[in-house]
Protein backbone atom coordinates (compact mmCIF):
# COMPACT_ATOMS: atom_id res chain seq x y z
CA UNK A 1 18.60 23.46 -51.65
CA UNK A 2 22.41 23.39 -51.47
CA UNK A 3 24.13 26.09 -49.47
CA UNK A 4 27.01 27.94 -51.09
CA UNK A 5 30.03 27.82 -48.84
CA UNK A 6 33.16 29.97 -48.88
CA UNK A 7 35.11 27.51 -46.73
CA UNK A 8 35.54 23.80 -47.53
CA UNK A 9 33.99 21.31 -45.12
CA UNK A 10 36.30 18.91 -43.33
CA UNK A 11 36.44 15.66 -45.31
CA UNK A 12 34.11 12.81 -44.50
CA UNK A 13 31.21 14.91 -43.18
CA UNK A 14 27.59 14.45 -44.37
CA UNK A 15 25.95 16.80 -46.88
CA UNK A 16 23.58 18.10 -44.22
CA UNK A 17 26.46 19.39 -42.06
CA UNK A 18 25.96 23.11 -42.70
CA UNK A 19 22.20 22.91 -42.20
CA UNK A 20 22.59 21.00 -38.93
CA UNK A 21 25.16 23.48 -37.65
CA UNK A 22 22.90 26.40 -38.57
CA UNK A 23 19.98 24.79 -36.71
CA UNK A 24 22.06 24.15 -33.60
CA UNK A 25 23.37 27.71 -33.65
CA UNK A 26 19.96 29.32 -34.18
CA UNK A 27 17.93 27.02 -31.94
CA UNK A 28 20.58 26.91 -29.19
CA UNK A 29 20.13 23.30 -28.12
CA UNK A 30 18.53 20.24 -29.70
CA UNK A 31 18.16 16.62 -28.66
CA UNK A 32 19.30 13.85 -30.99
CA UNK A 33 15.68 13.12 -31.85
CA UNK A 34 14.98 16.78 -32.64
CA UNK A 35 17.97 16.87 -35.01
CA UNK A 36 16.61 13.75 -36.70
CA UNK A 37 13.10 15.24 -36.97
CA UNK A 38 14.42 18.44 -38.52
CA UNK A 39 17.12 17.14 -40.86
CA UNK A 40 16.95 13.36 -41.21
CA UNK A 41 13.24 12.47 -40.90
CA UNK A 42 13.43 9.49 -43.26
CA UNK A 43 16.40 7.90 -41.50
CA UNK A 44 16.67 5.55 -38.55
CA UNK A 45 17.42 7.28 -35.21
CA UNK A 46 20.76 5.50 -35.15
CA UNK A 47 21.84 7.41 -38.25
CA UNK A 48 21.25 10.76 -36.53
CA UNK A 49 23.45 9.58 -33.66
CA UNK A 50 26.20 8.63 -36.10
CA UNK A 51 26.00 11.95 -37.97
CA UNK A 52 26.22 13.95 -34.75
CA UNK A 53 29.08 11.75 -33.59
CA UNK A 54 31.04 12.62 -36.73
CA UNK A 55 30.38 16.33 -36.25
CA UNK A 56 31.47 15.99 -32.64
CA UNK A 57 34.76 14.34 -33.61
CA UNK A 58 35.34 17.17 -36.09
CA UNK A 59 34.97 19.70 -33.27
CA UNK A 60 31.89 21.34 -34.79
CA UNK A 61 29.34 20.33 -32.15
CA UNK A 62 29.42 19.40 -28.48
CA UNK A 63 26.94 17.83 -26.10
CA UNK A 64 26.07 17.72 -22.45
CA UNK A 65 23.85 15.46 -20.38
CA UNK A 66 21.61 17.13 -17.79
CA UNK A 67 21.45 15.54 -14.33
CA UNK A 68 19.00 12.62 -14.12
CA UNK A 69 18.71 12.45 -17.92
CA UNK A 70 20.27 10.00 -20.32
CA UNK A 71 19.70 12.09 -23.44
CA UNK A 72 22.38 14.19 -25.05
CA UNK A 73 21.75 17.89 -25.60
CA UNK A 74 23.66 19.09 -28.66
CA UNK A 75 24.93 22.59 -29.41
CA UNK A 76 27.27 24.16 -31.95
CA UNK A 77 30.83 24.98 -30.93
CA UNK A 78 32.54 28.24 -31.81
CA UNK A 79 34.09 26.49 -34.82
CA UNK A 80 30.70 25.11 -35.87
CA UNK A 81 29.01 28.51 -35.65
CA UNK A 82 31.85 30.08 -37.64
CA UNK A 83 31.56 27.44 -40.37
CA UNK A 84 27.78 27.97 -40.66
CA UNK A 85 28.28 31.73 -40.81
CA UNK A 86 30.97 31.42 -43.50
CA UNK A 87 28.55 29.26 -45.49
CA UNK A 88 26.01 32.12 -45.33
CA UNK A 89 23.56 29.83 -43.52
CA UNK A 90 23.09 32.14 -40.51
CA UNK A 91 21.80 35.66 -40.05
CA UNK A 92 22.81 37.90 -37.18
CA UNK A 93 25.65 37.61 -34.74
CA UNK A 94 24.75 34.40 -32.92
CA UNK A 95 27.26 33.42 -30.29
CA UNK A 96 28.15 29.84 -29.37
CA UNK A 97 26.86 28.55 -26.03
CA UNK A 98 28.85 26.90 -23.29
CA UNK A 99 27.94 23.52 -21.78
CA UNK A 100 26.89 25.14 -18.50
CA UNK A 101 24.41 27.36 -20.35
CA UNK A 102 22.97 24.46 -22.31
CA UNK A 103 22.38 22.40 -19.18
CA UNK A 104 21.05 25.38 -17.22
CA UNK A 105 17.55 26.21 -16.07
CA UNK A 106 16.36 27.48 -19.46
CA UNK A 107 17.20 24.34 -21.46
CA UNK A 108 13.78 22.70 -20.86
CA UNK A 109 12.06 25.88 -22.06
CA UNK A 110 14.28 26.11 -25.15
CA UNK A 111 13.72 22.47 -26.06
CA UNK A 112 9.96 22.94 -25.72
CA UNK A 113 10.02 26.00 -27.99
CA UNK A 114 11.88 23.88 -30.53
CA UNK A 115 9.19 21.20 -30.21
CA UNK A 116 6.64 23.84 -31.23
CA UNK A 117 8.70 24.79 -34.28
CA UNK A 118 9.14 21.14 -35.23
CA UNK A 119 5.37 20.58 -35.08
CA UNK A 120 4.88 23.29 -37.71
CA UNK A 121 7.83 21.99 -39.77
CA UNK A 122 6.30 18.50 -39.76
CA UNK A 123 2.91 19.85 -40.86
CA UNK A 124 4.53 21.81 -43.70
CA UNK A 125 6.28 18.67 -44.97
CA UNK A 126 3.02 16.74 -44.99
CA UNK A 127 1.16 19.50 -46.84
CA UNK A 128 3.88 20.66 -49.24
CA UNK A 129 4.14 24.07 -47.54
CA UNK A 130 7.33 25.91 -46.65
CA UNK A 131 8.49 25.98 -43.03
CA UNK A 132 12.13 24.98 -42.89
CA UNK A 133 14.74 24.28 -40.27
CA UNK A 134 15.31 28.00 -39.58
CA UNK A 135 11.66 29.08 -39.75
CA UNK A 136 11.53 30.05 -36.07
CA UNK A 137 13.82 32.50 -34.27
CA UNK A 138 14.24 32.64 -30.51
CA UNK A 139 14.00 35.64 -28.18
CA UNK A 140 13.08 38.24 -30.80
CA UNK A 141 13.18 41.79 -29.41
CA UNK A 142 10.38 44.25 -30.22
CA UNK A 143 10.59 47.86 -28.99
CA UNK A 144 7.53 49.20 -27.19
CA UNK A 145 8.79 52.76 -27.31
CA UNK A 146 11.38 54.90 -29.06
CA UNK A 147 13.09 56.04 -25.89
CA UNK A 148 16.73 55.41 -25.08
CA UNK A 149 18.44 53.85 -22.10
CA UNK A 150 16.07 53.25 -19.22
CA UNK A 151 13.23 54.89 -21.12
CA UNK A 152 13.35 52.25 -23.85
CA UNK A 153 11.02 49.32 -23.19
CA UNK A 154 11.16 46.03 -25.10
CA UNK A 155 9.02 42.93 -25.52
CA UNK A 156 10.91 39.69 -26.15
CA UNK A 157 8.84 37.06 -27.94
CA UNK A 158 9.91 33.53 -27.03
CA UNK A 159 10.02 32.93 -30.77
CA UNK A 160 8.71 34.26 -34.07
CA UNK A 161 7.58 31.67 -36.64
CA UNK A 162 7.31 32.18 -40.41
CA UNK A 163 5.24 29.75 -42.50
CA UNK A 164 4.49 29.97 -46.23
CA UNK A 165 1.46 28.13 -47.58
CA UNK A 166 -0.64 28.07 -50.72
CA UNK A 167 -4.33 28.96 -50.58
CA UNK A 168 -6.58 29.03 -53.66
CA UNK A 169 -3.57 29.22 -55.95
CA UNK A 170 -2.01 32.13 -54.06
CA UNK A 171 0.84 32.21 -51.57
CA UNK A 172 -0.07 33.16 -48.00
CA UNK A 173 2.66 34.27 -45.60
CA UNK A 174 1.81 33.43 -41.99
CA UNK A 175 3.82 34.84 -39.09
CA UNK A 176 3.22 34.09 -35.44
CA UNK A 177 4.48 35.19 -32.06
CA UNK A 178 5.11 32.05 -29.99
CA UNK A 179 5.02 32.01 -26.19
CA UNK A 180 5.90 28.83 -24.33
CA UNK A 181 4.65 28.47 -20.77
CA UNK A 182 5.87 25.55 -18.64
CA UNK A 183 3.55 26.30 -15.71
CA UNK A 184 6.35 28.05 -13.83
CA UNK A 185 4.60 31.44 -13.71
CA UNK A 186 1.46 32.19 -11.74
CA UNK A 187 -1.56 32.59 -14.00
CA UNK A 188 -1.72 36.35 -13.38
CA UNK A 189 1.95 36.68 -14.42
CA UNK A 190 1.25 34.71 -17.59
CA UNK A 191 -1.72 36.96 -18.34
CA UNK A 192 0.44 40.05 -17.84
CA UNK A 193 3.07 38.65 -20.24
CA UNK A 194 0.47 37.97 -22.94
CA UNK A 195 -1.24 41.34 -22.41
CA UNK A 196 2.03 43.08 -23.35
CA UNK A 197 1.29 42.15 -26.96
CA UNK A 198 -1.57 44.66 -26.80
CA UNK A 199 1.05 47.26 -25.88
CA UNK A 200 3.14 46.26 -28.90
CA UNK A 201 0.05 46.41 -31.09
CA UNK A 202 -0.57 50.03 -30.04
CA UNK A 203 3.04 51.24 -29.86
CA UNK A 204 3.66 54.21 -32.17
CA UNK A 205 6.79 55.55 -33.74
CA UNK A 206 7.45 58.92 -35.44
CA UNK A 207 4.46 60.12 -37.39
CA UNK A 208 2.12 57.97 -35.28
CA UNK A 209 2.94 54.90 -37.41
CA UNK A 210 2.70 51.56 -35.59
CA UNK A 211 6.21 50.37 -34.73
CA UNK A 212 5.43 46.74 -35.60
CA UNK A 213 4.74 47.73 -39.24
CA UNK A 214 8.47 48.26 -39.74
CA UNK A 215 8.86 44.47 -39.52
CA UNK A 216 5.55 42.75 -40.32
CA UNK A 217 3.00 43.26 -43.13
CA UNK A 218 0.26 42.60 -40.56
CA UNK A 219 0.35 42.04 -36.82
CA UNK A 220 1.15 38.37 -36.14
CA UNK A 221 -1.27 36.32 -34.09
CA UNK A 222 -0.01 35.12 -30.70
CA UNK A 223 0.07 31.39 -29.96
CA UNK A 224 0.66 30.52 -26.31
CA UNK A 225 1.63 26.87 -25.86
CA UNK A 226 1.24 25.24 -22.45
CA UNK A 227 3.46 22.46 -21.08
CA UNK A 228 5.12 21.30 -17.86
CA UNK A 229 2.11 19.90 -15.95
CA UNK A 230 -0.59 17.24 -16.20
CA UNK A 231 -3.25 17.60 -18.87
CA UNK A 232 -6.07 18.45 -16.39
CA UNK A 233 -3.85 21.10 -14.79
CA UNK A 234 -2.99 22.61 -18.17
CA UNK A 235 -6.63 22.64 -19.27
CA UNK A 236 -7.54 24.52 -16.08
CA UNK A 237 -4.63 26.88 -16.69
CA UNK A 238 -5.84 27.53 -20.24
CA UNK A 239 -9.40 28.29 -19.09
CA UNK A 240 -8.22 30.57 -16.27
CA UNK A 241 -5.80 32.43 -18.54
CA UNK A 242 -8.42 33.06 -21.21
CA UNK A 243 -10.96 34.23 -18.61
CA UNK A 244 -8.50 36.70 -17.08
CA UNK A 245 -7.34 37.92 -20.49
CA UNK A 246 -10.93 38.66 -21.52
CA UNK A 247 -11.29 41.04 -18.59
CA UNK A 248 -7.84 42.60 -18.90
CA UNK A 249 -7.99 46.37 -19.58
CA UNK A 250 -5.17 46.20 -22.14
CA UNK A 251 -7.21 43.80 -24.29
CA UNK A 252 -10.55 45.60 -24.28
CA UNK A 253 -12.03 46.14 -27.74
CA UNK A 254 -12.05 44.12 -30.94
CA UNK A 255 -8.96 45.65 -32.56
CA UNK A 256 -6.37 44.16 -30.24
CA UNK A 257 -4.03 41.23 -30.95
CA UNK A 258 -5.40 37.77 -31.72
CA UNK A 259 -4.33 35.42 -28.92
CA UNK A 260 -4.91 31.68 -28.76
CA UNK A 261 -3.76 28.92 -26.42
CA UNK A 262 -3.05 25.23 -26.99
CA UNK A 263 -1.35 22.36 -25.18
CA UNK A 264 2.08 21.22 -26.38
CA UNK A 265 0.98 17.60 -25.95
CA UNK A 266 -1.85 18.11 -28.46
CA UNK A 267 0.31 20.13 -30.84
CA UNK A 268 2.84 17.30 -30.98
CA UNK A 269 0.21 14.59 -31.43
CA UNK A 270 -2.24 16.28 -33.82
CA UNK A 271 -0.37 19.17 -35.41
CA UNK A 272 -1.34 22.84 -35.86
CA UNK A 273 -4.02 22.17 -38.48
CA UNK A 274 -6.12 20.25 -35.95
CA UNK A 275 -8.73 22.14 -33.87
CA UNK A 276 -6.60 22.29 -30.72
CA UNK A 277 -6.49 26.06 -30.12
CA UNK A 278 -8.82 28.17 -27.99
CA UNK A 279 -8.98 31.81 -29.06
CA UNK A 280 -9.43 34.74 -26.74
CA UNK A 281 -12.25 36.13 -28.88
CA UNK A 282 -14.30 32.90 -28.78
CA UNK A 283 -12.86 30.52 -26.15
CA UNK A 284 -15.76 28.07 -26.38
CA UNK A 285 -14.87 27.06 -29.95
CA UNK A 286 -11.91 24.85 -30.85
CA UNK A 287 -10.03 26.07 -33.94
CA UNK A 288 -6.85 25.32 -35.84
CA UNK A 289 -3.93 27.77 -35.94
CA UNK A 290 -5.49 29.61 -38.89
CA UNK A 291 -8.78 30.09 -37.04
CA UNK A 292 -10.74 27.40 -38.89
CA UNK A 293 -13.49 25.87 -36.80
CA UNK A 294 -13.94 22.35 -35.54
CA UNK A 295 -15.63 20.04 -38.01
CA UNK A 296 -18.29 17.51 -37.12
CA UNK A 297 -15.79 14.67 -37.41
CA UNK A 298 -13.44 16.32 -34.90
CA UNK A 299 -15.98 16.82 -32.16
């Protein structure tokens, strides 16, 4: 769908310019391959490099190379963010990043979160569903209380994903909290982070109405995606995390949040509709992201 723009694009730029700038602004940092996956999936990787090179020469994007890495990490410049905003392709007051921020400690985490979003985007393309280039938002704040100042407590989801699919002739809106763990936290710290979603689930506003209902028609499921270690280590981490979550006092009872865990490696390779998730409520059964069970052919 074409984006209406109130400011003309510099001459000689590709049609996808505004969409690419919006992605870079919203997703903070993307590799060349991630830009290709999102916006130019049917083109040769070389074409993505050429497109980004043209945007770079126009002053709309910049790149940095992390130490010991040959890949370029792309981000939108102040001019690029402004152009995307003037084209009404961005929501909120997103600020442009600096090269030092892009190459900092959080870039690996941000890139991995974007890999999760791309896995869902790829699945939507294959199935004819809707999950576009801006379908996931990073660091989404959710109040846990209505206090002010130091009394106000907030949960920041690594990302919130929105996915629209058709089921039995009807549209189904799926929203998910995404948490990306790169094995940098101890398991008990990871468990504590995930258990905070139970706090959000119970948080009440005026009139004892759940605060989350101001934003979501139903409480989104939580998908925790593991990366940053060997597969055996991540499988042990998944089992340990689920075991500790099952005994966590915040998660006692059947009415709490739905939490599931998968490995980023499997999500990339098989996609979210494969039985790669283990749910807190039934960790012995492999399910897809919608909770569908493993079929005989998948065992």
